[in-house]
Amino acid sequence: MSTDAASDRLLPAETWARPVLGVVGGMGPAATVAFLDALTRRTPAGRDQDHIDTVVLSHASVPDRTAHLVDPEQPDPTPYLLGDLEVLARLGCACAVIACNTAHAFLPEELPLPLLSLVRVGAEAAVDGADAPGRAPRVRVLATDGTVSSGVYQDALAALGAEPLLPDEAGQRELMSVIYDGVKAGVDVPTAAFVDLLARLRGDADTVVLACTELSVLGEQASSDLPPWAVDAQAALVERVVAELRG
């Protein structure tokens, strides 16, 4: 943000003196709650004032990201996303996150404020968690049809020297049902069934990356039952936020 923009910030500098995190959420609402809950629990704090100052836009009416990627005739979420980032910049946020993996497929290179990319951080965590000495790590991407078709994770993983893998058609359909008919619909998905699905979809991959924030909701619920080879992109983003803003 420029000096002029900083002086025009809407958050009063005398009461919002520390770097402020902006969160573009609502995609879906449960995933945003899971992100904020994880951020609160994983921030080293002994009192309220030790936590990260955060502005949250839970913009649930943003058009479905996957719907537009698979059918360009459907409403485009891009103006919504860029508008929200502009609002956060005008408020005076130092950086932002978008609590939706698929949304990253719509972002241009130039943004109104610095973005901590869920996709980039998730890909890095998946590669770092792979045990693949002497060869390229194999990472299975578990994501919506839209995220898969956009190629954002495949590109990010390839840039890190990894081999991106995708579920077969039947596995992808099952995954989409868990995301849309389960978490997004407010229907309970038993932890045991979710962990079993991850094991079946893993195949010969070294790690799987939970590359959808609805899957991150289930990953948080699974807690200690989550296998070590299953990497939650949103959990990795929380760690990065804490390191950047509290480190």
Protein backbone atom coordinates (compact mmCIF):
# COMPACT_ATOMS: atom_id res chain seq x y z
CA MET A 1 0.00 0.00 0.00
CA SER A 2 1.33 3.44 -0.90
CA THR A 3 2.02 6.13 1.70
CA ASP A 4 -1.02 8.08 0.52
CA ALA A 5 -3.21 5.00 0.74
CA ALA A 6 -1.87 4.23 4.21
CA SER A 7 -2.80 7.72 5.39
CA ASP A 8 -6.34 7.22 4.04
CA ARG A 9 -6.87 3.87 5.77
CA LEU A 10 -10.26 3.54 7.40
CA LEU A 11 -9.04 1.60 10.43
CA PRO A 12 -7.84 4.28 12.90
CA ALA A 13 -4.06 3.91 13.21
CA GLU A 14 -4.13 4.76 16.91
CA THR A 15 -6.33 1.73 17.71
CA TRP A 16 -5.29 -0.62 14.88
CA ALA A 17 -1.56 -0.04 15.19
CA ARG A 18 -0.40 -3.61 14.48
CA PRO A 19 -0.44 -5.33 11.08
CA VAL A 20 -4.01 -6.39 10.33
CA LEU A 21 -4.94 -9.62 8.54
CA GLY A 22 -7.78 -9.46 6.04
CA VAL A 23 -9.82 -12.60 5.38
CA VAL A 24 -12.04 -13.06 2.34
CA GLY A 25 -14.39 -15.83 3.42
CA GLY A 26 -17.90 -17.19 3.17
CA MET A 27 -16.85 -19.75 0.52
CA GLY A 28 -18.24 -21.58 2.33
CA PRO A 29 -19.10 -20.17 5.76
CA ALA A 30 -18.15 -23.36 7.65
CA ALA A 31 -14.69 -23.30 6.06
CA THR A 32 -14.20 -19.70 7.17
CA VAL A 33 -15.21 -20.57 10.73
CA ALA A 34 -12.75 -23.48 10.66
CA PHE A 35 -9.96 -21.16 9.48
CA LEU A 36 -10.64 -18.60 12.21
CA ASP A 37 -10.95 -21.30 14.86
CA ALA A 38 -7.62 -22.83 13.81
CA LEU A 39 -5.98 -19.39 13.71
CA THR A 40 -7.19 -18.63 17.24
CA ARG A 41 -6.07 -21.97 18.65
CA ARG A 42 -2.65 -21.94 16.99
CA THR A 43 -1.69 -18.37 17.82
CA PRO A 44 0.56 -18.29 20.90
CA ALA A 45 -1.45 -16.07 23.22
CA GLY A 46 -1.96 -15.64 26.93
CA ARG A 47 -4.64 -12.95 26.63
CA ASP A 48 -7.02 -11.43 24.08
CA GLN A 49 -4.52 -8.75 23.11
CA ASP A 50 -1.94 -11.34 22.00
CA HIS A 51 -4.07 -12.53 19.07
CA ILE A 52 -3.84 -11.30 15.48
CA ASP A 53 -6.00 -8.32 14.57
CA THR A 54 -8.28 -9.56 11.80
CA VAL A 55 -10.98 -8.18 9.50
CA VAL A 56 -13.27 -10.86 8.06
CA LEU A 57 -15.53 -10.48 5.04
CA SER A 58 -17.82 -13.52 5.05
CA HIS A 59 -19.09 -12.96 1.52
CA ALA A 60 -21.34 -15.99 1.14
CA SER A 61 -23.10 -14.62 -1.95
CA VAL A 62 -19.96 -14.85 -4.11
CA PRO A 63 -20.99 -17.01 -7.11
CA ASP A 64 -19.92 -20.63 -7.00
CA ARG A 65 -16.33 -20.82 -8.22
CA THR A 66 -16.47 -24.36 -9.58
CA ALA A 67 -19.73 -23.67 -11.41
CA HIS A 68 -18.11 -20.86 -13.43
CA LEU A 69 -14.95 -22.83 -14.16
CA VAL A 70 -16.87 -25.78 -15.59
CA ASP A 71 -19.49 -23.56 -17.30
CA PRO A 72 -18.33 -20.02 -18.23
CA GLU A 73 -21.99 -19.03 -18.74
CA GLN A 74 -22.44 -19.18 -14.97
CA PRO A 75 -21.84 -15.96 -12.93
CA ASP A 76 -18.20 -14.90 -12.65
CA PRO A 77 -16.89 -14.54 -9.05
CA THR A 78 -13.87 -12.43 -10.11
CA PRO A 79 -15.41 -8.96 -9.47
CA TYR A 80 -16.57 -10.11 -6.04
CA LEU A 81 -13.13 -11.37 -5.06
CA LEU A 82 -11.23 -8.34 -6.32
CA GLY A 83 -13.80 -6.01 -4.77
CA ASP A 84 -13.38 -7.68 -1.39
CA LEU A 85 -9.60 -7.41 -1.59
CA GLU A 86 -9.97 -3.73 -2.47
CA VAL A 87 -12.18 -3.20 0.59
CA LEU A 88 -9.58 -4.86 2.82
CA ALA A 89 -6.84 -2.71 1.29
CA ARG A 90 -8.84 0.48 1.85
CA LEU A 91 -9.50 -0.52 5.44
CA GLY A 92 -5.75 -0.76 6.00
CA CYS A 93 -5.07 -4.50 6.15
CA ALA A 94 -1.40 -5.37 5.76
CA CYS A 95 -2.10 -8.63 3.90
CA ALA A 96 -4.95 -10.96 3.09
CA VAL A 97 -5.92 -14.59 2.75
CA ILE A 98 -8.79 -16.10 0.79
CA ALA A 99 -10.37 -19.03 2.61
CA CYS A 100 -11.23 -20.88 -0.61
CA ASN A 101 -8.83 -22.81 -2.81
CA THR A 102 -10.87 -22.60 -6.02
CA ALA A 103 -11.09 -18.79 -5.75
CA HIS A 104 -7.35 -18.58 -6.43
CA ALA A 105 -7.97 -19.61 -10.03
CA PHE A 106 -9.57 -16.20 -10.67
CA LEU A 107 -6.84 -13.94 -9.31
CA PRO A 108 -4.68 -11.79 -11.61
CA GLU A 109 -1.04 -11.14 -10.77
CA GLU A 110 -1.69 -7.57 -9.63
CA LEU A 111 -3.79 -7.39 -6.46
CA PRO A 112 -4.83 -4.49 -4.20
CA LEU A 113 -2.76 -5.84 -1.31
CA PRO A 114 -0.29 -8.66 -0.59
CA LEU A 115 -1.89 -12.11 -0.56
CA LEU A 116 -0.71 -15.14 1.42
CA SER A 117 -1.70 -17.76 -1.16
CA LEU A 118 -3.50 -20.81 0.18
CA VAL A 119 -2.54 -22.71 -2.98
CA ARG A 120 1.16 -21.88 -2.86
CA VAL A 121 1.46 -22.55 0.87
CA GLY A 122 -0.52 -25.79 0.57
CA ALA A 123 1.62 -27.05 -2.29
CA GLU A 124 4.81 -26.25 -0.39
CA ALA A 125 3.55 -28.11 2.70
CA ALA A 126 2.59 -31.16 0.64
CA VAL A 127 6.04 -31.32 -0.96
CA ASP A 128 7.81 -30.75 2.35
CA GLY A 129 5.80 -33.57 3.93
CA ALA A 130 6.69 -36.13 1.25
CA ASP A 131 9.26 -38.84 1.90
CA ALA A 132 10.65 -39.33 -1.60
CA PRO A 133 14.46 -39.48 -1.53
CA GLY A 134 16.06 -39.35 -4.97
CA ARG A 135 12.91 -38.73 -6.98
CA ALA A 136 10.13 -36.22 -7.48
CA PRO A 137 7.53 -36.34 -4.69
CA ARG A 138 4.12 -37.62 -5.81
CA VAL A 139 1.28 -35.51 -4.44
CA ARG A 140 -2.40 -36.40 -4.86
CA VAL A 141 -4.56 -33.27 -5.17
CA LEU A 142 -7.97 -33.59 -3.49
CA ALA A 143 -10.02 -30.63 -4.64
CA THR A 144 -13.20 -29.51 -6.35
CA ASP A 145 -13.74 -30.08 -10.05
CA GLY A 146 -13.14 -26.36 -10.54
CA THR A 147 -9.80 -26.31 -8.76
CA VAL A 148 -8.71 -29.41 -10.65
CA SER A 149 -9.76 -28.00 -14.04
CA SER A 150 -8.00 -24.68 -13.35
CA GLY A 151 -4.69 -26.48 -12.80
CA VAL A 152 -3.58 -24.10 -10.03
CA TYR A 153 -2.35 -26.89 -7.76
CA GLN A 154 -0.82 -28.88 -10.60
CA ASP A 155 1.13 -25.80 -11.67
CA ALA A 156 2.22 -24.96 -8.12
CA LEU A 157 3.38 -28.52 -7.44
CA ALA A 158 5.19 -28.85 -10.77
CA ALA A 159 7.02 -25.57 -10.08
CA LEU A 160 8.27 -27.16 -6.85
CA GLY A 161 9.56 -30.22 -8.70
CA ALA A 162 6.73 -32.52 -7.60
CA GLU A 163 4.53 -34.84 -9.65
CA PRO A 164 0.85 -33.86 -9.21
CA LEU A 165 -1.66 -36.73 -9.25
CA LEU A 166 -5.46 -36.60 -9.44
CA PRO A 167 -8.17 -39.06 -8.37
CA ASP A 168 -9.85 -41.17 -11.03
CA GLU A 169 -13.35 -40.19 -12.18
CA ALA A 170 -15.13 -42.31 -9.57
CA GLY A 171 -12.92 -40.99 -6.79
CA GLN A 172 -13.46 -37.40 -7.92
CA ARG A 173 -17.24 -37.89 -7.91
CA GLU A 174 -17.09 -39.28 -4.39
CA LEU A 175 -14.93 -36.36 -3.28
CA MET A 176 -17.34 -33.81 -4.78
CA SER A 177 -20.23 -35.50 -2.97
CA VAL A 178 -18.42 -35.17 0.35
CA ILE A 179 -17.76 -31.48 -0.36
CA TYR A 180 -21.16 -30.43 -1.73
CA ASP A 181 -23.63 -32.98 -0.33
CA GLY A 182 -21.75 -33.18 2.95
CA VAL A 183 -19.96 -30.14 4.34
CA LYS A 184 -21.53 -27.41 2.18
CA ALA A 185 -24.99 -28.87 2.81
CA GLY A 186 -24.45 -29.05 6.56
CA VAL A 187 -24.65 -32.85 6.56
CA ASP A 188 -22.41 -34.75 8.96
CA VAL A 189 -19.52 -36.70 7.43
CA PRO A 190 -18.24 -39.32 9.91
CA THR A 191 -14.52 -39.06 10.60
CA ALA A 192 -13.93 -42.76 9.98
CA ALA A 193 -15.56 -42.53 6.55
CA PHE A 194 -13.49 -39.47 5.66
CA VAL A 195 -10.19 -41.05 6.72
CA ASP A 196 -11.09 -44.20 4.77
CA LEU A 197 -11.77 -42.07 1.69
CA LEU A 198 -8.37 -40.40 1.99
CA ALA A 199 -6.66 -43.80 2.22
CA ARG A 200 -8.47 -45.09 -0.88
CA LEU A 201 -7.72 -41.97 -2.90
CA ARG A 202 -4.06 -41.83 -1.87
CA GLY A 203 -2.98 -44.70 -4.10
CA ASP A 204 0.77 -44.58 -4.70
CA ALA A 205 1.12 -40.91 -3.74
CA ASP A 206 3.62 -39.86 -1.08
CA THR A 207 1.22 -37.25 0.27
CA VAL A 208 -2.29 -36.07 -0.40
CA VAL A 209 -3.14 -32.40 -0.10
CA LEU A 210 -6.56 -31.35 1.18
CA ALA A 211 -6.96 -28.63 -1.43
CA CYS A 212 -10.53 -27.62 -0.62
CA THR A 213 -11.47 -25.73 2.53
CA GLU A 214 -14.50 -28.00 3.06
CA LEU A 215 -12.03 -30.89 3.26
CA SER A 216 -10.06 -28.76 5.72
CA VAL A 217 -13.20 -28.64 7.90
CA LEU A 218 -13.19 -32.43 7.95
CA GLY A 219 -9.43 -32.48 8.50
CA GLU A 220 -9.86 -30.32 11.60
CA GLN A 221 -12.62 -32.62 12.84
CA ALA A 222 -10.46 -35.68 12.25
CA SER A 223 -7.67 -34.12 14.35
CA SER A 224 -5.34 -36.87 15.60
CA ASP A 225 -6.97 -39.44 13.27
CA LEU A 226 -5.65 -37.60 10.21
CA PRO A 227 -2.80 -39.68 8.69
CA PRO A 228 0.64 -38.01 8.60
CA TRP A 229 0.68 -38.23 4.80
CA ALA A 230 -2.49 -36.11 4.56
CA VAL A 231 -1.54 -32.44 4.38
CA ASP A 232 -4.20 -29.82 5.03
CA ALA A 233 -3.53 -26.70 2.93
CA GLN A 234 -5.57 -24.49 5.24
CA ALA A 235 -3.72 -25.70 8.34
CA ALA A 236 -0.45 -24.90 6.57
CA LEU A 237 -1.79 -21.42 5.76
CA VAL A 238 -2.67 -20.82 9.41
CA GLU A 239 0.90 -21.67 10.39
CA ARG A 240 2.24 -19.27 7.73
CA VAL A 241 -0.06 -16.46 8.91
CA VAL A 242 1.08 -16.89 12.49
CA ALA A 243 4.73 -16.92 11.42
CA GLU A 244 4.31 -13.82 9.24
CA LEU A 245 2.24 -11.72 11.66
CA ARG A 246 3.47 -13.00 15.01
CA GLY A 247 6.96 -14.21 14.13
